[in-house]
Amino acid sequence: MVEVAGGHDPLGRKHRSSVEIKWDDILNAQPEVIVLALCGYDVDRARRDYELLRRFPGFDSLPAAGTGRVYLVDAKGYFSRPGPRIVDSLEILASILHPEQFPEFTFADANRPVLRVADR
């Protein structure tokens, strides 16, 4: 989905099972954007886990953290299972990755299935 939305995930495993990623691999990848999509959980749960994540050593050195491009999404409703919402999921990702092309999306709106950490 990241690729279809116009992004690149250097740690992604296209067409393969998901695996745990080592923190050093994330630090080395230097992501410009982080989308925290916890399988089966909503934005509130992602917010709690984000509070843990931001305490990891080196988190503040990540480009995404420095520019405020860390997003918490409703994975339960949009990303954990295939279905009709896949188009909404792609729109969410595209708006995260390319906000200049999708200015109609606002991430601070509590009714949206995504929260930009910088908007908290």
PDB file of N, CA and C in Angstrom:
ATOM      1  N   MET A   1       0.813  -1.195   0.000  1.00  0.00           N
ATOM      2  CA  MET A   1       0.000   0.000   0.000  1.00  0.00           C
ATOM      3  C   MET A   1       0.861   1.267   0.000  1.00  0.00           C
ATOM      4  N   VAL A   2       1.975   1.212   0.690  1.00  0.00           N
ATOM      5  CA  VAL A   2       2.867   2.374   0.728  1.00  0.00           C
ATOM      6  C   VAL A   2       3.336   2.708  -0.689  1.00  0.00           C
ATOM      7  N   GLU A   3       3.703   1.699  -1.428  1.00  0.00           N
ATOM      8  CA  GLU A   3       4.180   1.904  -2.801  1.00  0.00           C
ATOM      9  C   GLU A   3       3.078   2.491  -3.682  1.00  0.00           C
ATOM     10  N   VAL A   4       1.872   1.962  -3.584  1.00  0.00           N
ATOM     11  CA  VAL A   4       0.747   2.461  -4.383  1.00  0.00           C
ATOM     12  C   VAL A   4       0.433   3.909  -4.017  1.00  0.00           C
ATOM     13  N   ALA A   5       0.623   4.255  -2.743  1.00  0.00           N
ATOM     14  CA  ALA A   5       0.363   5.623  -2.277  1.00  0.00           C
ATOM     15  C   ALA A   5       1.501   6.581  -2.629  1.00  0.00           C
ATOM     16  N   GLY A   6       2.534   6.073  -3.276  1.00  0.00           N
ATOM     17  CA  GLY A   6       3.632   6.929  -3.728  1.00  0.00           C
ATOM     18  C   GLY A   6       4.806   7.013  -2.782  1.00  0.00           C
ATOM     19  N   GLY A   7       4.934   6.026  -1.893  1.00  0.00           N
ATOM     20  CA  GLY A   7       6.042   6.022  -0.953  1.00  0.00           C
ATOM     21  C   GLY A   7       6.991   4.865  -1.174  1.00  0.00           C
ATOM     22  N   HIS A   8       8.001   4.818  -0.336  1.00  0.00           N
ATOM     23  CA  HIS A   8       8.987   3.737  -0.377  1.00  0.00           C
ATOM     24  C   HIS A   8       9.284   3.316   1.056  1.00  0.00           C
ATOM     25  N   ASP A   9       9.184   2.032   1.328  1.00  0.00           N
ATOM     26  CA  ASP A   9       9.461   1.498   2.662  1.00  0.00           C
ATOM     27  C   ASP A   9      10.718   0.644   2.582  1.00  0.00           C
ATOM     28  N   PRO A  10      11.866   1.186   3.008  1.00  0.00           N
ATOM     29  CA  PRO A  10      13.112   0.423   2.894  1.00  0.00           C
ATOM     30  C   PRO A  10      13.162  -0.798   3.805  1.00  0.00           C
ATOM     31  N   LEU A  11      12.278  -0.865   4.778  1.00  0.00           N
ATOM     32  CA  LEU A  11      12.242  -2.016   5.682  1.00  0.00           C
ATOM     33  C   LEU A  11      11.069  -2.943   5.372  1.00  0.00           C
ATOM     34  N   GLY A  12      10.319  -2.617   4.340  1.00  0.00           N
ATOM     35  CA  GLY A  12       9.149  -3.416   3.974  1.00  0.00           C
ATOM     36  C   GLY A  12       9.520  -4.792   3.441  1.00  0.00           C
ATOM     37  N   ARG A  13       8.564  -5.690   3.523  1.00  0.00           N
ATOM     38  CA  ARG A  13       8.769  -7.066   3.060  1.00  0.00           C
ATOM     39  C   ARG A  13       7.628  -7.434   2.122  1.00  0.00           C
ATOM     40  N   LYS A  14       7.599  -6.803   0.985  1.00  0.00           N
ATOM     41  CA  LYS A  14       6.523  -6.980   0.020  1.00  0.00           C
ATOM     42  C   LYS A  14       6.286  -8.461  -0.297  1.00  0.00           C
ATOM     43  N   HIS A  15       5.030  -8.861  -0.176  1.00  0.00           N
ATOM     44  CA  HIS A  15       4.577 -10.229  -0.472  1.00  0.00           C
ATOM     45  C   HIS A  15       5.177 -11.275   0.461  1.00  0.00           C
ATOM     46  N   ARG A  16       5.613 -10.848   1.647  1.00  0.00           N
ATOM     47  CA  ARG A  16       6.172 -11.789   2.625  1.00  0.00           C
ATOM     48  C   ARG A  16       5.546 -11.518   3.984  1.00  0.00           C
ATOM     49  N   SER A  17       5.647 -12.471   4.859  1.00  0.00           N
ATOM     50  CA  SER A  17       5.101 -12.328   6.208  1.00  0.00           C
ATOM     51  C   SER A  17       5.815 -11.208   6.952  1.00  0.00           C
ATOM     52  N   SER A  18       5.083 -10.591   7.854  1.00  0.00           N
ATOM     53  CA  SER A  18       5.687  -9.542   8.655  1.00  0.00           C
ATOM     54  C   SER A  18       6.611 -10.141   9.709  1.00  0.00           C
ATOM     55  N   VAL A  19       7.575  -9.363  10.123  1.00  0.00           N
ATOM     56  CA  VAL A  19       8.538  -9.787  11.136  1.00  0.00           C
ATOM     57  C   VAL A  19       8.837  -8.599  12.046  1.00  0.00           C
ATOM     58  N   GLU A  20       9.402  -8.897  13.177  1.00  0.00           N
ATOM     59  CA  GLU A  20       9.851  -7.843  14.073  1.00  0.00           C
ATOM     60  C   GLU A  20      11.094  -7.185  13.475  1.00  0.00           C
ATOM     61  N   ILE A  21      11.128  -5.863  13.526  1.00  0.00           N
ATOM     62  CA  ILE A  21      12.258  -5.122  12.981  1.00  0.00           C
ATOM     63  C   ILE A  21      13.109  -4.632  14.146  1.00  0.00           C
ATOM     64  N   LYS A  22      14.382  -4.822  14.052  1.00  0.00           N
ATOM     65  CA  LYS A  22      15.298  -4.376  15.106  1.00  0.00           C
ATOM     66  C   LYS A  22      15.374  -2.848  15.108  1.00  0.00           C
ATOM     67  N   TRP A  23      15.473  -2.274  16.291  1.00  0.00           N
ATOM     68  CA  TRP A  23      15.520  -0.829  16.432  1.00  0.00           C
ATOM     69  C   TRP A  23      16.702  -0.223  15.678  1.00  0.00           C
ATOM     70  N   ASP A  24      17.853  -0.908  15.693  1.00  0.00           N
ATOM     71  CA  ASP A  24      19.024  -0.401  14.959  1.00  0.00           C
ATOM     72  C   ASP A  24      18.743  -0.303  13.460  1.00  0.00           C
ATOM     73  N   ASP A  25      17.930  -1.224  12.921  1.00  0.00           N
ATOM     74  CA  ASP A  25      17.578  -1.163  11.496  1.00  0.00           C
ATOM     75  C   ASP A  25      16.738   0.081  11.200  1.00  0.00           C
ATOM     76  N   ILE A  26      15.862   0.436  12.129  1.00  0.00           N
ATOM     77  CA  ILE A  26      15.050   1.641  11.953  1.00  0.00           C
ATOM     78  C   ILE A  26      15.936   2.877  12.026  1.00  0.00           C
ATOM     79  N   LEU A  27      16.828   2.914  12.998  1.00  0.00           N
ATOM     80  CA  LEU A  27      17.751   4.044  13.104  1.00  0.00           C
ATOM     81  C   LEU A  27      18.597   4.189  11.844  1.00  0.00           C
ATOM     82  N   ASN A  28      19.068   3.080  11.315  1.00  0.00           N
ATOM     83  CA  ASN A  28      19.889   3.111  10.095  1.00  0.00           C
ATOM     84  C   ASN A  28      19.086   3.529   8.872  1.00  0.00           C
ATOM     85  N   ALA A  29      17.797   3.200   8.828  1.00  0.00           N
ATOM     86  CA  ALA A  29      16.952   3.552   7.683  1.00  0.00           C
ATOM     87  C   ALA A  29      16.642   5.054   7.647  1.00  0.00           C
ATOM     88  N   GLN A  30      16.715   5.730   8.808  1.00  0.00           N
ATOM     89  CA  GLN A  30      16.453   7.168   8.894  1.00  0.00           C
ATOM     90  C   GLN A  30      15.142   7.554   8.182  1.00  0.00           C
ATOM     91  N   PRO A  31      14.009   7.029   8.638  1.00  0.00           N
ATOM     92  CA  PRO A  31      12.739   7.311   7.953  1.00  0.00           C
ATOM     93  C   PRO A  31      12.351   8.783   8.012  1.00  0.00           C
ATOM     94  N   GLU A  32      11.865   9.281   6.893  1.00  0.00           N
ATOM     95  CA  GLU A  32      11.376  10.656   6.815  1.00  0.00           C
ATOM     96  C   GLU A  32       9.943  10.754   7.315  1.00  0.00           C
ATOM     97  N   VAL A  33       9.231   9.634   7.275  1.00  0.00           N
ATOM     98  CA  VAL A  33       7.838   9.553   7.729  1.00  0.00           C
ATOM     99  C   VAL A  33       7.688   8.250   8.502  1.00  0.00           C
ATOM    100  N   ILE A  34       6.967   8.311   9.616  1.00  0.00           N
ATOM    101  CA  ILE A  34       6.630   7.094  10.367  1.00  0.00           C
ATOM    102  C   ILE A  34       5.111   7.039  10.475  1.00  0.00           C
ATOM    103  N   VAL A  35       4.543   5.912  10.067  1.00  0.00           N
ATOM    104  CA  VAL A  35       3.108   5.659  10.218  1.00  0.00           C
ATOM    105  C   VAL A  35       2.994   4.511  11.207  1.00  0.00           C
ATOM    106  N   LEU A  36       2.488   4.813  12.382  1.00  0.00           N
ATOM    107  CA  LEU A  36       2.348   3.802  13.419  1.00  0.00           C
ATOM    108  C   LEU A  36       0.974   3.165  13.276  1.00  0.00           C
ATOM    109  N   ALA A  37       0.954   1.993  12.642  1.00  0.00           N
ATOM    110  CA  ALA A  37      -0.281   1.243  12.383  1.00  0.00           C
ATOM    111  C   ALA A  37      -0.181  -0.076  13.123  1.00  0.00           C
ATOM    112  N   LEU A  38      -0.759  -0.120  14.309  1.00  0.00           N
ATOM    113  CA  LEU A  38      -0.676  -1.317  15.143  1.00  0.00           C
ATOM    114  C   LEU A  38      -1.798  -2.269  14.777  1.00  0.00           C
ATOM    115  N   CYS A  39      -1.440  -3.418  14.273  1.00  0.00           N
ATOM    116  CA  CYS A  39      -2.403  -4.390  13.769  1.00  0.00           C
ATOM    117  C   CYS A  39      -3.507  -4.668  14.793  1.00  0.00           C
ATOM    118  N   GLY A  40      -4.729  -4.340  14.416  1.00  0.00           N
ATOM    119  CA  GLY A  40      -5.884  -4.605  15.261  1.00  0.00           C
ATOM    120  C   GLY A  40      -6.204  -3.522  16.268  1.00  0.00           C
ATOM    121  N   TYR A  41      -5.477  -2.398  16.248  1.00  0.00           N
ATOM    122  CA  TYR A  41      -5.690  -1.351  17.248  1.00  0.00           C
ATOM    123  C   TYR A  41      -6.037  -0.006  16.603  1.00  0.00           C
ATOM    124  N   ASP A  42      -6.626   0.867  17.408  1.00  0.00           N
ATOM    125  CA  ASP A  42      -7.052   2.180  16.938  1.00  0.00           C
ATOM    126  C   ASP A  42      -6.031   3.255  17.288  1.00  0.00           C
ATOM    127  N   VAL A  43      -6.394   4.513  17.031  1.00  0.00           N
ATOM    128  CA  VAL A  43      -5.486   5.638  17.251  1.00  0.00           C
ATOM    129  C   VAL A  43      -5.139   5.795  18.730  1.00  0.00           C
ATOM    130  N   ASP A  44      -6.120   5.599  19.614  1.00  0.00           N
ATOM    131  CA  ASP A  44      -5.833   5.752  21.048  1.00  0.00           C
ATOM    132  C   ASP A  44      -4.768   4.775  21.518  1.00  0.00           C
ATOM    133  N   ARG A  45      -4.850   3.546  21.061  1.00  0.00           N
ATOM    134  CA  ARG A  45      -3.827   2.562  21.436  1.00  0.00           C
ATOM    135  C   ARG A  45      -2.480   2.925  20.807  1.00  0.00           C
ATOM    136  N   ALA A  46      -2.498   3.387  19.574  1.00  0.00           N
ATOM    137  CA  ALA A  46      -1.256   3.801  18.919  1.00  0.00           C
ATOM    138  C   ALA A  46      -0.625   4.967  19.678  1.00  0.00           C
ATOM    139  N   ARG A  47      -1.446   5.848  20.226  1.00  0.00           N
ATOM    140  CA  ARG A  47      -0.928   6.982  20.992  1.00  0.00           C
ATOM    141  C   ARG A  47      -0.167   6.503  22.229  1.00  0.00           C
ATOM    142  N   ARG A  48      -0.707   5.511  22.909  1.00  0.00           N
ATOM    143  CA  ARG A  48      -0.017   4.969  24.089  1.00  0.00           C
ATOM    144  C   ARG A  48       1.309   4.323  23.696  1.00  0.00           C
ATOM    145  N   ASP A  49       1.307   3.587  22.591  1.00  0.00           N
ATOM    146  CA  ASP A  49       2.547   2.948  22.158  1.00  0.00           C
ATOM    147  C   ASP A  49       3.554   3.968  21.622  1.00  0.00           C
ATOM    148  N   TYR A  50       3.067   5.045  21.041  1.00  0.00           N
ATOM    149  CA  TYR A  50       3.967   6.107  20.585  1.00  0.00           C
ATOM    150  C   TYR A  50       4.735   6.691  21.770  1.00  0.00           C
ATOM    151  N   GLU A  51       4.069   6.850  22.901  1.00  0.00           N
ATOM    152  CA  GLU A  51       4.733   7.387  24.088  1.00  0.00           C
ATOM    153  C   GLU A  51       5.902   6.495  24.502  1.00  0.00           C
ATOM    154  N   LEU A  52       5.759   5.187  24.307  1.00  0.00           N
ATOM    155  CA  LEU A  52       6.865   4.258  24.577  1.00  0.00           C
ATOM    156  C   LEU A  52       7.945   4.385  23.508  1.00  0.00           C
ATOM    157  N   LEU A  53       7.527   4.436  22.255  1.00  0.00           N
ATOM    158  CA  LEU A  53       8.461   4.502  21.131  1.00  0.00           C
ATOM    159  C   LEU A  53       9.367   5.728  21.207  1.00  0.00           C
ATOM    160  N   ARG A  54       8.810   6.855  21.564  1.00  0.00           N
ATOM    161  CA  ARG A  54       9.609   8.083  21.569  1.00  0.00           C
ATOM    162  C   ARG A  54      10.680   8.098  22.655  1.00  0.00           C
ATOM    163  N   ARG A  55      10.636   7.139  23.574  1.00  0.00           N
ATOM    164  CA  ARG A  55      11.669   7.022  24.608  1.00  0.00           C
ATOM    165  C   ARG A  55      12.831   6.131  24.177  1.00  0.00           C
ATOM    166  N   PHE A  56      12.716   5.491  23.011  1.00  0.00           N
ATOM    167  CA  PHE A  56      13.798   4.633  22.525  1.00  0.00           C
ATOM    168  C   PHE A  56      15.028   5.504  22.248  1.00  0.00           C
ATOM    169  N   PRO A  57      16.214   4.955  22.509  1.00  0.00           N
ATOM    170  CA  PRO A  57      17.435   5.723  22.254  1.00  0.00           C
ATOM    171  C   PRO A  57      17.571   6.069  20.772  1.00  0.00           C
ATOM    172  N   GLY A  58      17.797   7.345  20.519  1.00  0.00           N
ATOM    173  CA  GLY A  58      17.991   7.794  19.147  1.00  0.00           C
ATOM    174  C   GLY A  58      16.719   8.200  18.425  1.00  0.00           C
ATOM    175  N   PHE A  59      15.555   8.046  19.056  1.00  0.00           N
ATOM    176  CA  PHE A  59      14.298   8.387  18.373  1.00  0.00           C
ATOM    177  C   PHE A  59      14.322   9.831  17.866  1.00  0.00           C
ATOM    178  N   ASP A  60      14.782  10.747  18.697  1.00  0.00           N
ATOM    179  CA  ASP A  60      14.801  12.160  18.301  1.00  0.00           C
ATOM    180  C   ASP A  60      15.749  12.442  17.139  1.00  0.00           C
ATOM    181  N   SER A  61      16.662  11.516  16.847  1.00  0.00           N
ATOM    182  CA  SER A  61      17.587  11.704  15.733  1.00  0.00           C
ATOM    183  C   SER A  61      16.967  11.321  14.391  1.00  0.00           C
ATOM    184  N   LEU A  62      15.811  10.685  14.407  1.00  0.00           N
ATOM    185  CA  LEU A  62      15.156  10.272  13.162  1.00  0.00           C
ATOM    186  C   LEU A  62      14.575  11.492  12.449  1.00  0.00           C
ATOM    187  N   PRO A  63      14.756  11.586  11.140  1.00  0.00           N
ATOM    188  CA  PRO A  63      14.191  12.718  10.404  1.00  0.00           C
ATOM    189  C   PRO A  63      12.685  12.899  10.649  1.00  0.00           C
ATOM    190  N   ALA A  64      11.942  11.815  10.708  1.00  0.00           N
ATOM    191  CA  ALA A  64      10.489  11.903  10.924  1.00  0.00           C
ATOM    192  C   ALA A  64      10.169  12.563  12.258  1.00  0.00           C
ATOM    193  N   ALA A  65      10.935  12.247  13.278  1.00  0.00           N
ATOM    194  CA  ALA A  65      10.707  12.843  14.598  1.00  0.00           C
ATOM    195  C   ALA A  65      11.062  14.329  14.577  1.00  0.00           C
ATOM    196  N   GLY A  66      12.139  14.662  13.901  1.00  0.00           N
ATOM    197  CA  GLY A  66      12.579  16.054  13.850  1.00  0.00           C
ATOM    198  C   GLY A  66      11.637  16.969  13.093  1.00  0.00           C
ATOM    199  N   THR A  67      10.950  16.433  12.097  1.00  0.00           N
ATOM    200  CA  THR A  67      10.037  17.255  11.289  1.00  0.00           C
ATOM    201  C   THR A  67       8.581  17.091  11.698  1.00  0.00           C
ATOM    202  N   GLY A  68       8.321  16.245  12.694  1.00  0.00           N
ATOM    203  CA  GLY A  68       6.942  16.033  13.136  1.00  0.00           C
ATOM    204  C   GLY A  68       6.112  15.217  12.178  1.00  0.00           C
ATOM    205  N   ARG A  69       6.768  14.380  11.387  1.00  0.00           N
ATOM    206  CA  ARG A  69       6.037  13.554  10.416  1.00  0.00           C
ATOM    207  C   ARG A  69       5.871  12.135  10.953  1.00  0.00           C
ATOM    208  N   VAL A  70       5.310  12.054  12.159  1.00  0.00           N
ATOM    209  CA  VAL A  70       4.964  10.783  12.785  1.00  0.00           C
ATOM    210  C   VAL A  70       3.447  10.774  12.883  1.00  0.00           C
ATOM    211  N   TYR A  71       2.835   9.730  12.333  1.00  0.00           N
ATOM    212  CA  TYR A  71       1.379   9.643  12.251  1.00  0.00           C
ATOM    213  C   TYR A  71       0.893   8.369  12.941  1.00  0.00           C
ATOM    214  N   LEU A  72      -0.190   8.496  13.665  1.00  0.00           N
ATOM    215  CA  LEU A  72      -0.841   7.375  14.326  1.00  0.00           C
ATOM    216  C   LEU A  72      -2.135   7.112  13.573  1.00  0.00           C
ATOM    217  N   VAL A  73      -2.345   5.868  13.158  1.00  0.00           N
ATOM    218  CA  VAL A  73      -3.541   5.573  12.365  1.00  0.00           C
ATOM    219  C   VAL A  73      -4.408   4.511  13.022  1.00  0.00           C
ATOM    220  N   ASP A  74      -5.659   4.509  12.618  1.00  0.00           N
ATOM    221  CA  ASP A  74      -6.623   3.507  13.064  1.00  0.00           C
ATOM    222  C   ASP A  74      -6.403   2.249  12.214  1.00  0.00           C
ATOM    223  N   ALA A  75      -5.465   1.444  12.645  1.00  0.00           N
ATOM    224  CA  ALA A  75      -5.135   0.236  11.878  1.00  0.00           C
ATOM    225  C   ALA A  75      -6.292  -0.749  11.897  1.00  0.00           C
ATOM    226  N   LYS A  76      -6.985  -0.823  13.022  1.00  0.00           N
ATOM    227  CA  LYS A  76      -8.111  -1.754  13.153  1.00  0.00           C
ATOM    228  C   LYS A  76      -9.173  -1.468  12.092  1.00  0.00           C
ATOM    229  N   GLY A  77      -9.462  -0.203  11.870  1.00  0.00           N
ATOM    230  CA  GLY A  77     -10.507   0.168  10.932  1.00  0.00           C
ATOM    231  C   GLY A  77     -10.075   0.274   9.485  1.00  0.00           C
ATOM    232  N   TYR A  78      -8.764   0.483   9.239  1.00  0.00           N
ATOM    233  CA  TYR A  78      -8.334   0.791   7.874  1.00  0.00           C
ATOM    234  C   TYR A  78      -7.174  -0.027   7.317  1.00  0.00           C
ATOM    235  N   PHE A  79      -6.362  -0.639   8.160  1.00  0.00           N
ATOM    236  CA  PHE A  79      -5.142  -1.245   7.634  1.00  0.00           C
ATOM    237  C   PHE A  79      -4.953  -2.723   7.958  1.00  0.00           C
ATOM    238  N   SER A  80      -5.697  -3.270   8.896  1.00  0.00           N
ATOM    239  CA  SER A  80      -5.429  -4.637   9.342  1.00  0.00           C
ATOM    240  C   SER A  80      -6.084  -5.725   8.499  1.00  0.00           C
ATOM    241  N   ARG A  81      -7.145  -5.390   7.792  1.00  0.00           N
ATOM    242  CA  ARG A  81      -7.811  -6.406   6.983  1.00  0.00           C
ATOM    243  C   ARG A  81      -8.247  -5.831   5.637  1.00  0.00           C
ATOM    244  N   PRO A  82      -8.216  -6.652   4.624  1.00  0.00           N
ATOM    245  CA  PRO A  82      -8.659  -6.176   3.315  1.00  0.00           C
ATOM    246  C   PRO A  82     -10.169  -5.972   3.308  1.00  0.00           C
ATOM    247  N   GLY A  83     -10.625  -5.095   2.475  1.00  0.00           N
ATOM    248  CA  GLY A  83     -12.057  -4.853   2.368  1.00  0.00           C
ATOM    249  C   GLY A  83     -12.314  -3.566   1.616  1.00  0.00           C
ATOM    250  N   PRO A  84     -13.558  -3.105   1.650  1.00  0.00           N
ATOM    251  CA  PRO A  84     -13.936  -1.909   0.888  1.00  0.00           C
ATOM    252  C   PRO A  84     -13.215  -0.638   1.331  1.00  0.00           C
ATOM    253  N   ARG A  85     -12.702  -0.616   2.546  1.00  0.00           N
ATOM    254  CA  ARG A  85     -12.014   0.582   3.028  1.00  0.00           C
ATOM    255  C   ARG A  85     -10.594   0.713   2.482  1.00  0.00           C
ATOM    256  N   ILE A  86     -10.190  -0.183   1.627  1.00  0.00           N
ATOM    257  CA  ILE A  86      -8.825  -0.125   1.102  1.00  0.00           C
ATOM    258  C   ILE A  86      -8.576   1.194   0.358  1.00  0.00           C
ATOM    259  N   VAL A  87      -9.599   1.711  -0.296  1.00  0.00           N
ATOM    260  CA  VAL A  87      -9.451   2.988  -0.994  1.00  0.00           C
ATOM    261  C   VAL A  87      -9.244   4.103   0.030  1.00  0.00           C
ATOM    262  N   ASP A  88     -10.008   4.074   1.121  1.00  0.00           N
ATOM    263  CA  ASP A  88      -9.805   5.061   2.182  1.00  0.00           C
ATOM    264  C   ASP A  88      -8.398   4.946   2.754  1.00  0.00           C
ATOM    265  N   SER A  89      -7.940   3.721   2.936  1.00  0.00           N
ATOM    266  CA  SER A  89      -6.595   3.492   3.475  1.00  0.00           C
ATOM    267  C   SER A  89      -5.534   4.097   2.557  1.00  0.00           C
ATOM    268  N   LEU A  90      -5.681   3.902   1.267  1.00  0.00           N
ATOM    269  CA  LEU A  90      -4.737   4.475   0.307  1.00  0.00           C
ATOM    270  C   LEU A  90      -4.785   5.998   0.328  1.00  0.00           C
ATOM    271  N   GLU A  91      -5.989   6.568   0.457  1.00  0.00           N
ATOM    272  CA  GLU A  91      -6.112   8.021   0.547  1.00  0.00           C
ATOM    273  C   GLU A  91      -5.410   8.547   1.798  1.00  0.00           C
ATOM    274  N   ILE A  92      -5.568   7.835   2.906  1.00  0.00           N
ATOM    275  CA  ILE A  92      -4.899   8.228   4.147  1.00  0.00           C
ATOM    276  C   ILE A  92      -3.386   8.227   3.951  1.00  0.00           C
ATOM    277  N   LEU A  93      -2.862   7.130   3.413  1.00  0.00           N
ATOM    278  CA  LEU A  93      -1.412   7.047   3.198  1.00  0.00           C
ATOM    279  C   LEU A  93      -0.921   8.109   2.214  1.00  0.00           C
ATOM    280  N   ALA A  94      -1.657   8.293   1.133  1.00  0.00           N
ATOM    281  CA  ALA A  94      -1.245   9.297   0.143  1.00  0.00           C
ATOM    282  C   ALA A  94      -1.239  10.692   0.758  1.00  0.00           C
ATOM    283  N   SER A  95      -2.214  10.990   1.612  1.00  0.00           N
ATOM    284  CA  SER A  95      -2.260  12.314   2.240  1.00  0.00           C
ATOM    285  C   SER A  95      -1.143  12.493   3.261  1.00  0.00           C
ATOM    286  N   ILE A  96      -0.726  11.404   3.899  1.00  0.00           N
ATOM    287  CA  ILE A  96       0.406  11.459   4.827  1.00  0.00           C
ATOM    288  C   ILE A  96       1.700  11.681   4.052  1.00  0.00           C
ATOM    289  N   LEU A  97       1.869  10.942   2.973  1.00  0.00           N
ATOM    290  CA  LEU A  97       3.114  11.002   2.205  1.00  0.00           C
ATOM    291  C   LEU A  97       3.224  12.252   1.333  1.00  0.00           C
ATOM    292  N   HIS A  98       2.098  12.767   0.868  1.00  0.00           N
ATOM    293  CA  HIS A  98       2.087  13.895  -0.067  1.00  0.00           C
ATOM    294  C   HIS A  98       1.061  14.948   0.353  1.00  0.00           C
ATOM    295  N   PRO A  99       1.246  15.572   1.515  1.00  0.00           N
ATOM    296  CA  PRO A  99       0.246  16.521   2.012  1.00  0.00           C
ATOM    297  C   PRO A  99       0.027  17.722   1.083  1.00  0.00           C
ATOM    298  N   GLU A 100       1.046  18.074   0.326  1.00  0.00           N
ATOM    299  CA  GLU A 100       0.898  19.204  -0.593  1.00  0.00           C
ATOM    300  C   GLU A 100      -0.061  18.884  -1.738  1.00  0.00           C
ATOM    301  N   GLN A 101      -0.230  17.623  -2.069  1.00  0.00           N
ATOM    302  CA  GLN A 101      -1.144  17.224  -3.134  1.00  0.00           C
ATOM    303  C   GLN A 101      -2.540  16.884  -2.606  1.00  0.00           C
ATOM    304  N   PHE A 102      -2.677  16.724  -1.290  1.00  0.00           N
ATOM    305  CA  PHE A 102      -3.959  16.375  -0.675  1.00  0.00           C
ATOM    306  C   PHE A 102      -4.254  17.329   0.485  1.00  0.00           C
ATOM    307  N   PRO A 103      -4.344  18.643   0.221  1.00  0.00           N
ATOM    308  CA  PRO A 103      -4.530  19.612   1.309  1.00  0.00           C
ATOM    309  C   PRO A 103      -5.898  19.523   1.979  1.00  0.00           C
ATOM    310  N   GLU A 104      -6.840  18.816   1.382  1.00  0.00           N
ATOM    311  CA  GLU A 104      -8.178  18.721   1.970  1.00  0.00           C
ATOM    312  C   GLU A 104      -8.216  17.847   3.220  1.00  0.00           C
ATOM    313  N   PHE A 105      -7.157  17.069   3.456  1.00  0.00           N
ATOM    314  CA  PHE A 105      -7.105  16.222   4.635  1.00  0.00           C
ATOM    315  C   PHE A 105      -6.499  16.994   5.792  1.00  0.00           C
ATOM    316  N   THR A 106      -7.134  16.885   6.944  1.00  0.00           N
ATOM    317  CA  THR A 106      -6.573  17.482   8.152  1.00  0.00           C
ATOM    318  C   THR A 106      -6.406  16.379   9.184  1.00  0.00           C
ATOM    319  N   PHE A 107      -5.252  16.317   9.791  1.00  0.00           N
ATOM    320  CA  PHE A 107      -4.965  15.224  10.709  1.00  0.00           C
ATOM    321  C   PHE A 107      -5.292  15.573  12.149  1.00  0.00           C
ATOM    322  N   ALA A 108      -5.584  16.839  12.431  1.00  0.00           N
ATOM    323  CA  ALA A 108      -5.904  17.221  13.805  1.00  0.00           C
ATOM    324  C   ALA A 108      -7.368  16.956  14.130  1.00  0.00           C
ATOM    325  N   ASP A 109      -8.194  16.712  13.134  1.00  0.00           N
ATOM    326  CA  ASP A 109      -9.616  16.452  13.314  1.00  0.00           C
ATOM    327  C   ASP A 109      -9.815  15.136  14.057  1.00  0.00           C
ATOM    328  N   ALA A 110     -10.464  15.187  15.199  1.00  0.00           N
ATOM    329  CA  ALA A 110     -10.648  13.993  16.035  1.00  0.00           C
ATOM    330  C   ALA A 110     -11.486  12.922  15.344  1.00  0.00           C
ATOM    331  N   ASN A 111     -12.238  13.298  14.313  1.00  0.00           N
ATOM    332  CA  ASN A 111     -13.071  12.320  13.610  1.00  0.00           C
ATOM    333  C   ASN A 111     -12.314  11.574  12.516  1.00  0.00           C
ATOM    334  N   ARG A 112     -11.078  11.973  12.249  1.00  0.00           N
ATOM    335  CA  ARG A 112     -10.280  11.311  11.224  1.00  0.00           C
ATOM    336  C   ARG A 112      -9.609  10.080  11.814  1.00  0.00           C
ATOM    337  N   PRO A 113      -9.370   9.084  11.002  1.00  0.00           N
ATOM    338  CA  PRO A 113      -8.727   7.860  11.486  1.00  0.00           C
ATOM    339  C   PRO A 113      -7.207   7.950  11.570  1.00  0.00           C
ATOM    340  N   VAL A 114      -6.686   9.184  11.626  1.00  0.00           N
ATOM    341  CA  VAL A 114      -5.248   9.376  11.685  1.00  0.00           C
ATOM    342  C   VAL A 114      -4.957  10.636  12.508  1.00  0.00           C
ATOM    343  N   LEU A 115      -3.870  10.596  13.238  1.00  0.00           N
ATOM    344  CA  LEU A 115      -3.467  11.732  14.047  1.00  0.00           C
ATOM    345  C   LEU A 115      -1.991  11.993  13.800  1.00  0.00           C
ATOM    346  N   ARG A 116      -1.675  13.213  13.449  1.00  0.00           N
ATOM    347  CA  ARG A 116      -0.279  13.598  13.317  1.00  0.00           C
ATOM    348  C   ARG A 116       0.210  13.966  14.707  1.00  0.00           C
ATOM    349  N   VAL A 117       1.266  13.352  15.151  1.00  0.00           N
ATOM    350  CA  VAL A 117       1.739  13.547  16.517  1.00  0.00           C
ATOM    351  C   VAL A 117       1.973  15.025  16.797  1.00  0.00           C
ATOM    352  N   ALA A 118       2.463  15.768  15.832  1.00  0.00           N
ATOM    353  CA  ALA A 118       2.737  17.188  16.011  1.00  0.00           C
ATOM    354  C   ALA A 118       1.452  17.971  16.286  1.00  0.00           C
ATOM    355  N   ASP A 119       0.287  17.404  15.941  1.00  0.00           N
ATOM    356  CA  ASP A 119      -0.997  18.091  16.119  1.00  0.00           C
ATOM    357  C   ASP A 119      -1.619  17.838  17.478  1.00  0.00           C
ATOM    358  N   ARG A 120      -0.995  17.008  18.307  1.00  0.00           N
ATOM    359  CA  ARG A 120      -1.596  16.633  19.585  1.00  0.00           C
ATOM    360  C   ARG A 120      -1.772  17.803  20.496  1.00  0.00           C
TER     361      ARG A 120
END
